[in-house]
Amino acid sequence: MKILVTGGLGFIGSHTVVELQNKGFEVVVIDNLSNSNIKVLDGIEKISGIRPDFEQFDLKDKHLVHRFFNNYPDIGGMIHFAASKAVNESVVTPLKYYENNIHTLVYLLQEMKERNLQNFIFSSSCTVYGEPDKLPITEDERIKPALTAYGYTKQAGETIIADVARAHGIKSIALRYFNPIGAHPSAEIGELPLGVPQNLIPFVTQTAAGIREQLSVFGDDYPTEDGTAIRDYIHVVDLAKSHVVALERLLHDKHKSNFEIFNIGTGRGASVMEIIKAFEKVNNIKLNYKIAPRREGDVVAVWADTTLAENELGWKAELTMEDALRDAWKWQKKLSNIE
């Protein structure tokens, strides 16, 4: 049995490939390299001792998707990461997000239906919740209209999968994860943003490395203790392990319905300023930052209630925010050749 990982050379995907291989799974990766690098394969191999099968093509090409499944008839499960993921970019280029994130999902599910394939893990997001009514957020939180095209594609993706699971019996789990940060502690793989980073931590590490002159803190007038926005920051290795646990749940028929949803976070919120101060402390470095206007689509505060994942999946985040910030800087130093 092979496990297909789409977007498997991306930030979360590559770490998940490592964890899958560490657990004895054979992995085949599809990635179009639009937001990743072929050298990530080398990092995966150095960590796990195994180089996964790799196919480079764009999942928007339905004919290539069909040909892939003809060539790999032994796919026993799928983890779907491949998607455009920059929340703020999606406000400016919504059509790109609707095409890339929804069409590709439909093509994969069509192949699963036609070939009677099972076991689908979907990379969802806490953005489906929008601005929550209460904190921490449980899986029962009311889903509000999305604030961005990215958020809408995750809401729509979950709806599509739920409909397909109900109609065709495909076993599936959507993992709504919060804010992944960090890198593999080996510093062999990590986050590789192309161009200007869209996420906080790469901007922090690039500022520390001198690549960026200054870090922008978007808004200091939020109704929080220090005025900056709050998020639930989870180490990417913990996040990767949750995908393996979810897959094993389906493979061993421990699921309670054909479509399940789990929050994946730490259960703790941290503000942007907390992140900055913690990064400076654990890495003994000062950051040059400034306060900038709020960004469109940003919510005030989001963190997870992870009770369901702990009770049903038997999964819980083990690494700390400080671990993640230390590993992120270690990765950046390797990229920048900093001793």
Protein backbone atom coordinates (compact mmCIF):
# COMPACT_ATOMS: atom_id res chain seq x y z
CA MET A 1 0.00 0.00 0.00
CA LYS A 2 1.19 3.46 -0.91
CA ILE A 3 0.06 6.72 0.65
CA LEU A 4 -0.30 9.66 -1.72
CA VAL A 5 0.73 13.04 -0.31
CA THR A 6 -0.22 15.95 -2.56
CA GLY A 7 1.85 19.06 -1.98
CA GLY A 8 4.29 16.76 -0.23
CA LEU A 9 7.32 19.00 -0.71
CA GLY A 10 5.63 21.94 0.98
CA PHE A 11 6.12 23.00 4.59
CA ILE A 12 3.59 20.75 6.31
CA GLY A 13 3.59 18.13 3.57
CA SER A 14 7.31 17.41 3.77
CA HIS A 15 7.22 16.98 7.53
CA THR A 16 4.25 14.64 7.17
CA VAL A 17 6.10 12.55 4.57
CA VAL A 18 8.93 12.12 7.09
CA GLU A 19 6.52 11.00 9.83
CA LEU A 20 4.74 8.60 7.47
CA GLN A 21 8.02 7.01 6.43
CA ASN A 22 9.17 6.82 10.04
CA LYS A 23 6.00 4.77 10.72
CA GLY A 24 6.73 2.37 7.86
CA PHE A 25 4.42 3.75 5.16
CA GLU A 26 5.47 3.87 1.51
CA VAL A 27 4.88 7.37 0.18
CA VAL A 28 4.41 8.89 -3.26
CA VAL A 29 4.46 12.68 -3.52
CA ILE A 30 2.77 14.90 -6.09
CA ASP A 31 3.96 18.51 -6.18
CA ASN A 32 4.10 21.09 -8.97
CA LEU A 33 6.90 22.98 -7.17
CA SER A 34 4.97 26.26 -7.42
CA ASN A 35 5.65 26.98 -3.75
CA SER A 36 8.31 24.40 -2.90
CA ASN A 37 11.72 23.15 -3.98
CA ILE A 38 12.93 19.83 -5.39
CA LYS A 39 15.81 19.91 -2.87
CA VAL A 40 13.27 19.15 -0.12
CA LEU A 41 13.41 15.54 -1.34
CA ASP A 42 17.06 15.44 -0.24
CA GLY A 43 16.11 16.69 3.22
CA ILE A 44 13.37 14.08 3.58
CA GLU A 45 15.82 11.35 2.57
CA LYS A 46 18.49 12.57 5.01
CA ILE A 47 16.06 12.49 7.94
CA SER A 48 14.18 9.27 7.20
CA GLY A 49 16.73 7.35 5.14
CA ILE A 50 14.11 6.91 2.40
CA ARG A 51 13.49 8.91 -0.76
CA PRO A 52 9.76 8.86 -1.54
CA ASP A 53 8.46 8.38 -5.07
CA PHE A 54 7.95 11.78 -6.65
CA GLU A 55 5.74 12.97 -9.50
CA GLN A 56 5.90 16.60 -10.64
CA PHE A 57 2.73 17.90 -12.24
CA ASP A 58 -0.19 20.25 -11.62
CA LEU A 59 -3.33 18.72 -10.16
CA LYS A 60 -5.40 21.25 -12.13
CA ASP A 61 -4.70 19.05 -15.18
CA LYS A 62 -7.46 16.46 -14.90
CA HIS A 63 -5.90 14.17 -17.52
CA LEU A 64 -2.60 14.01 -15.65
CA VAL A 65 -4.45 13.21 -12.42
CA HIS A 66 -6.23 10.34 -14.19
CA ARG A 67 -2.94 9.05 -15.65
CA PHE A 68 -1.28 9.17 -12.24
CA PHE A 69 -3.86 6.85 -10.71
CA ASN A 70 -3.51 4.48 -13.67
CA ASN A 71 0.22 4.33 -12.94
CA TYR A 72 -0.26 3.90 -9.18
CA PRO A 73 -3.12 1.41 -8.70
CA ASP A 74 -1.95 0.54 -5.18
CA ILE A 75 -2.78 3.88 -3.51
CA GLY A 76 -4.30 2.97 -0.15
CA GLY A 77 -4.77 6.43 1.32
CA MET A 78 -4.36 10.08 0.50
CA ILE A 79 -3.34 13.22 2.41
CA HIS A 80 -4.24 16.32 0.42
CA PHE A 81 -2.13 19.42 1.12
CA ALA A 82 -1.76 20.87 -2.39
CA ALA A 83 -3.43 24.29 -2.39
CA SER A 84 -2.76 27.99 -2.58
CA LYS A 85 -2.51 29.06 1.04
CA ALA A 86 -1.70 32.77 1.52
CA VAL A 87 -4.73 34.22 3.28
CA ASN A 88 -4.07 37.86 2.37
CA GLU A 89 -3.10 37.07 -1.24
CA SER A 90 -6.45 35.33 -1.66
CA VAL A 91 -8.21 38.64 -1.05
CA VAL A 92 -6.43 40.09 -4.09
CA THR A 93 -6.51 37.01 -6.39
CA PRO A 94 -9.67 35.08 -5.45
CA LEU A 95 -10.11 33.31 -8.81
CA LYS A 96 -6.67 31.71 -8.47
CA TYR A 97 -7.74 30.27 -5.12
CA TYR A 98 -11.13 29.03 -6.31
CA GLU A 99 -9.59 27.26 -9.30
CA ASN A 100 -6.56 25.79 -7.58
CA ASN A 101 -8.10 24.75 -4.27
CA ILE A 102 -11.50 23.50 -5.40
CA HIS A 103 -10.91 22.01 -8.87
CA THR A 104 -7.97 19.91 -7.71
CA LEU A 105 -9.94 18.53 -4.77
CA VAL A 106 -12.82 17.53 -7.05
CA TYR A 107 -10.50 15.77 -9.50
CA LEU A 108 -8.91 13.72 -6.71
CA LEU A 109 -12.28 12.73 -5.25
CA GLN A 110 -13.57 11.77 -8.70
CA GLU A 111 -10.67 9.34 -9.07
CA MET A 112 -11.32 7.92 -5.61
CA LYS A 113 -14.98 7.35 -6.44
CA GLU A 114 -14.28 5.73 -9.81
CA ARG A 115 -11.61 3.43 -8.37
CA ASN A 116 -13.38 2.71 -5.09
CA LEU A 117 -10.49 4.16 -3.08
CA GLN A 118 -10.78 4.98 0.61
CA ASN A 119 -9.02 6.94 3.34
CA PHE A 120 -8.79 10.67 2.59
CA ILE A 121 -7.22 13.24 4.94
CA PHE A 122 -7.94 16.88 4.11
CA SER A 123 -5.72 19.78 5.08
CA SER A 124 -8.29 22.21 6.44
CA SER A 125 -7.83 25.30 8.56
CA CYS A 126 -9.10 27.26 11.52
CA THR A 127 -9.91 30.01 9.02
CA VAL A 128 -13.22 28.19 8.42
CA TYR A 129 -14.40 29.62 11.76
CA GLY A 130 -13.85 33.27 10.90
CA GLU A 131 -14.12 35.54 13.96
CA PRO A 132 -15.23 33.10 16.68
CA ASP A 133 -18.09 33.80 19.09
CA LYS A 134 -16.22 32.20 21.98
CA LEU A 135 -12.78 30.88 22.85
CA PRO A 136 -11.31 28.34 22.80
CA ILE A 137 -12.89 27.11 19.56
CA THR A 138 -14.51 23.67 19.50
CA GLU A 139 -15.43 21.74 16.36
CA ASP A 140 -19.07 22.70 17.03
CA GLU A 141 -18.36 26.42 16.58
CA ARG A 142 -20.81 28.02 14.15
CA ILE A 143 -19.29 28.44 10.70
CA LYS A 144 -19.72 32.02 9.55
CA PRO A 145 -19.28 33.50 6.05
CA ALA A 146 -15.59 33.36 5.20
CA LEU A 147 -13.54 36.55 5.41
CA THR A 148 -11.25 35.57 2.52
CA ALA A 149 -11.26 33.44 -0.63
CA TYR A 150 -8.78 31.10 1.07
CA GLY A 151 -11.13 30.59 4.00
CA TYR A 152 -14.03 29.98 1.66
CA THR A 153 -12.14 27.30 -0.28
CA LYS A 154 -11.52 25.44 2.99
CA GLN A 155 -15.20 25.72 3.95
CA ALA A 156 -16.24 24.58 0.48
CA GLY A 157 -13.67 21.78 0.52
CA GLU A 158 -15.10 20.37 3.72
CA THR A 159 -18.64 20.54 2.28
CA ILE A 160 -17.56 18.76 -0.91
CA ILE A 161 -15.82 15.99 1.02
CA ALA A 162 -18.77 15.54 3.38
CA ASP A 163 -21.16 15.22 0.42
CA VAL A 164 -18.89 12.71 -1.35
CA ALA A 165 -18.38 10.70 1.84
CA ARG A 166 -22.13 10.53 2.36
CA ALA A 167 -22.93 9.63 -1.26
CA HIS A 168 -20.09 7.25 -2.04
CA GLY A 169 -18.83 5.96 1.30
CA ILE A 170 -15.33 7.41 1.11
CA LYS A 171 -13.77 7.49 4.58
CA SER A 172 -12.41 10.96 5.31
CA ILE A 173 -11.13 13.28 8.01
CA ALA A 174 -10.65 17.04 7.86
CA LEU A 175 -7.98 18.40 10.17
CA ARG A 176 -8.63 22.04 11.02
CA TYR A 177 -5.24 23.20 12.10
CA PHE A 178 -4.18 26.42 13.57
CA ASN A 179 -0.84 28.20 12.96
CA PRO A 180 2.02 25.83 12.08
CA ILE A 181 5.50 27.12 12.88
CA GLY A 182 9.00 25.78 13.41
CA ALA A 183 11.02 23.31 11.36
CA HIS A 184 12.37 19.80 11.71
CA PRO A 185 14.90 19.81 14.59
CA SER A 186 17.51 18.37 12.20
CA ALA A 187 17.25 21.61 10.16
CA GLU A 188 17.05 19.46 7.02
CA ILE A 189 13.54 20.69 6.12
CA GLY A 190 11.51 23.74 7.08
CA GLU A 191 9.40 26.56 5.70
CA LEU A 192 10.55 27.89 2.32
CA PRO A 193 8.39 30.89 1.40
CA LEU A 194 8.91 32.23 -2.11
CA GLY A 195 9.14 36.01 -2.27
CA VAL A 196 7.83 38.07 0.65
CA PRO A 197 6.63 35.78 3.45
CA GLN A 198 2.91 35.71 4.18
CA ASN A 199 3.27 34.17 7.64
CA LEU A 200 4.72 35.66 10.81
CA ILE A 201 7.57 33.29 11.65
CA PRO A 202 9.42 33.36 8.30
CA PHE A 203 9.25 37.15 8.50
CA VAL A 204 10.67 36.98 12.03
CA THR A 205 13.53 34.66 11.05
CA GLN A 206 14.33 36.58 7.85
CA THR A 207 14.44 39.82 9.81
CA ALA A 208 16.76 38.21 12.36
CA ALA A 209 18.97 36.99 9.51
CA GLY A 210 19.11 40.47 7.93
CA ILE A 211 17.19 39.44 4.81
CA ARG A 212 14.34 41.77 5.80
CA GLU A 213 15.19 45.17 7.22
CA GLN A 214 12.23 45.29 9.56
CA LEU A 215 9.38 43.13 10.84
CA SER A 216 5.88 44.60 10.55
CA VAL A 217 3.44 43.94 13.39
CA PHE A 218 0.04 44.35 11.76
CA GLY A 219 -2.07 46.18 14.31
CA ASP A 220 -1.50 47.04 17.98
CA ASP A 221 -5.06 48.16 18.70
CA TYR A 222 -6.79 44.80 18.94
CA PRO A 223 -8.84 44.15 22.10
CA THR A 224 -6.11 41.90 23.55
CA GLU A 225 -3.77 42.32 26.51
CA ASP A 226 -0.95 43.85 24.45
CA GLY A 227 -3.04 45.02 21.49
CA THR A 228 -1.67 42.47 19.01
CA ALA A 229 -3.56 39.59 17.43
CA ILE A 230 -3.58 36.16 19.09
CA ARG A 231 -3.10 32.81 17.37
CA ASP A 232 -2.56 29.17 18.36
CA TYR A 233 1.00 28.37 17.19
CA ILE A 234 1.73 24.65 16.79
CA HIS A 235 5.07 23.01 16.00
CA VAL A 236 4.99 21.60 12.48
CA VAL A 237 6.33 18.21 13.67
CA ASP A 238 3.41 17.82 16.08
CA LEU A 239 1.07 18.83 13.28
CA ALA A 240 2.63 16.31 10.89
CA LYS A 241 2.15 13.51 13.42
CA SER A 242 -1.56 14.30 13.68
CA HIS A 243 -1.99 13.42 10.00
CA VAL A 244 -0.42 10.01 10.51
CA VAL A 245 -2.65 9.33 13.52
CA ALA A 246 -5.74 10.40 11.56
CA LEU A 247 -4.78 8.17 8.64
CA GLU A 248 -4.28 5.19 10.94
CA ARG A 249 -7.73 5.84 12.43
CA LEU A 250 -9.27 5.35 8.98
CA LEU A 251 -7.08 2.41 8.02
CA HIS A 252 -8.06 0.57 11.23
CA ASP A 253 -11.75 1.49 10.86
CA LYS A 254 -11.85 3.36 14.15
CA HIS A 255 -13.76 6.30 12.67
CA LYS A 256 -17.30 6.96 13.88
CA SER A 257 -18.60 8.44 10.62
CA ASN A 258 -17.35 8.69 7.04
CA PHE A 259 -16.51 12.36 7.54
CA GLU A 260 -14.93 13.53 10.78
CA ILE A 261 -13.46 16.89 11.80
CA PHE A 262 -10.75 17.57 14.38
CA ASN A 263 -9.07 20.75 15.60
CA ILE A 264 -5.29 20.47 15.62
CA GLY A 265 -3.59 23.05 17.82
CA THR A 266 -1.96 23.46 21.21
CA GLY A 267 -5.01 24.81 23.04
CA ARG A 268 -3.13 27.99 23.92
CA GLY A 269 -3.16 31.39 22.28
CA ALA A 270 -0.09 33.60 21.97
CA SER A 271 0.02 37.20 20.75
CA VAL A 272 2.33 38.51 18.05
CA MET A 273 4.30 40.40 20.69
CA GLU A 274 4.60 37.27 22.80
CA ILE A 275 6.09 35.48 19.80
CA ILE A 276 8.57 38.29 19.19
CA LYS A 277 9.71 38.40 22.83
CA ALA A 278 9.94 34.59 23.07
CA PHE A 279 11.97 34.42 19.84
CA GLU A 280 14.39 37.04 21.14
CA LYS A 281 14.78 35.22 24.46
CA VAL A 282 15.29 31.63 23.25
CA ASN A 283 17.64 32.64 20.44
CA ASN A 284 19.41 35.53 22.23
CA ILE A 285 18.81 37.97 19.38
CA LYS A 286 17.04 41.32 19.03
CA LEU A 287 14.44 41.94 16.33
CA ASN A 288 13.87 45.20 14.51
CA TYR A 289 10.10 45.62 14.31
CA LYS A 290 7.53 48.34 13.74
CA ILE A 291 3.78 48.67 14.18
CA ALA A 292 1.85 48.66 10.89
CA PRO A 293 -1.87 48.97 10.04
CA ARG A 294 -4.12 45.94 10.40
CA ARG A 295 -4.45 43.65 7.39
CA GLU A 296 -7.76 42.87 5.73
CA GLY A 297 -9.08 39.43 6.69
CA ASP A 298 -7.20 39.14 10.00
CA VAL A 299 -9.27 38.13 13.02
CA VAL A 300 -8.59 39.27 16.58
CA ALA A 301 -7.95 36.01 18.40
CA VAL A 302 -8.14 32.30 17.60
CA TRP A 303 -7.05 29.28 19.57
CA ALA A 304 -8.21 25.69 19.68
CA ASP A 305 -10.07 23.44 22.03
CA THR A 306 -8.25 20.17 21.28
CA THR A 307 -10.28 17.92 23.58
CA LEU A 308 -11.84 15.95 20.71
CA ALA A 309 -8.49 15.22 19.05
CA GLU A 310 -7.03 14.15 22.38
CA ASN A 311 -9.95 11.84 23.22
CA GLU A 312 -10.65 10.37 19.78
CA LEU A 313 -7.30 10.43 17.99
CA GLY A 314 -5.16 9.99 21.09
CA TRP A 315 -3.09 12.90 19.78
CA LYS A 316 -1.80 15.90 21.69
CA ALA A 317 0.80 18.57 20.89
CA GLU A 318 4.02 17.76 22.76
CA LEU A 319 6.47 20.43 21.60
CA THR A 320 6.44 23.98 22.96
CA MET A 321 6.31 27.35 21.25
CA GLU A 322 9.90 27.87 22.38
CA ASP A 323 10.91 24.59 20.70
CA ALA A 324 9.31 25.78 17.48
CA LEU A 325 10.99 29.20 17.58
CA ARG A 326 14.35 27.62 18.31
CA ASP A 327 13.96 25.14 15.42
CA ALA A 328 12.75 27.87 13.04
CA TRP A 329 15.86 29.96 13.72
CA LYS A 330 18.11 26.91 13.38
CA TRP A 331 16.57 26.27 9.95
CA GLN A 332 16.94 29.92 8.89
CA LYS A 333 20.57 29.97 9.98
CA LYS A 334 21.25 26.95 7.80
CA LEU A 335 19.55 28.59 4.81
CA SER A 336 21.51 31.82 5.37
CA ASN A 337 24.82 30.15 6.26
CA ILE A 338 24.88 31.80 9.66
CA GLU A 339 27.06 30.18 12.31
